[in-house]
């Protein structure tokens, strides 16, 4: 009886198009923190614009009664602005610069932290905007 031979795995070399797509996704993953920071800057700009519009309406002839809901909305607005600034803030990240695994883990932590801060910023902003629009109508 003959001993079964191990099957050899034959692989082909990736072509240039496949290598380009692999490089593309690696570049996209590396650029994620920058994209989250750009989104946070956009949210901060929108918060500033909408707050300016609200203050202009408040200073016009129509007086807005400052109730608990308006105070809560303004607090949520400011908290949203603070959270969007924290996305852009350059925290001190620690990793072993000679270890690719440590760098990847640090990158994942950065992306996860910035993503959650941005998400909370958007939630507080939309909540504040909803309260004030409801109050104005």
Foldseek 3Di string as FASTA:
>chain_A
DDDDDDDDDDDDDDDPVVVVVVVVVVVVLVCLLVVLLVLLVVLLVVLVVVVVVVVVVCPPPDHQDDDPLLVLLVVLSVLLNVLSVVSVDDDDFDFDPVDPVRVVVSSVVNNVSSVVSNVSSVVSNVSSVVSVVVSVD
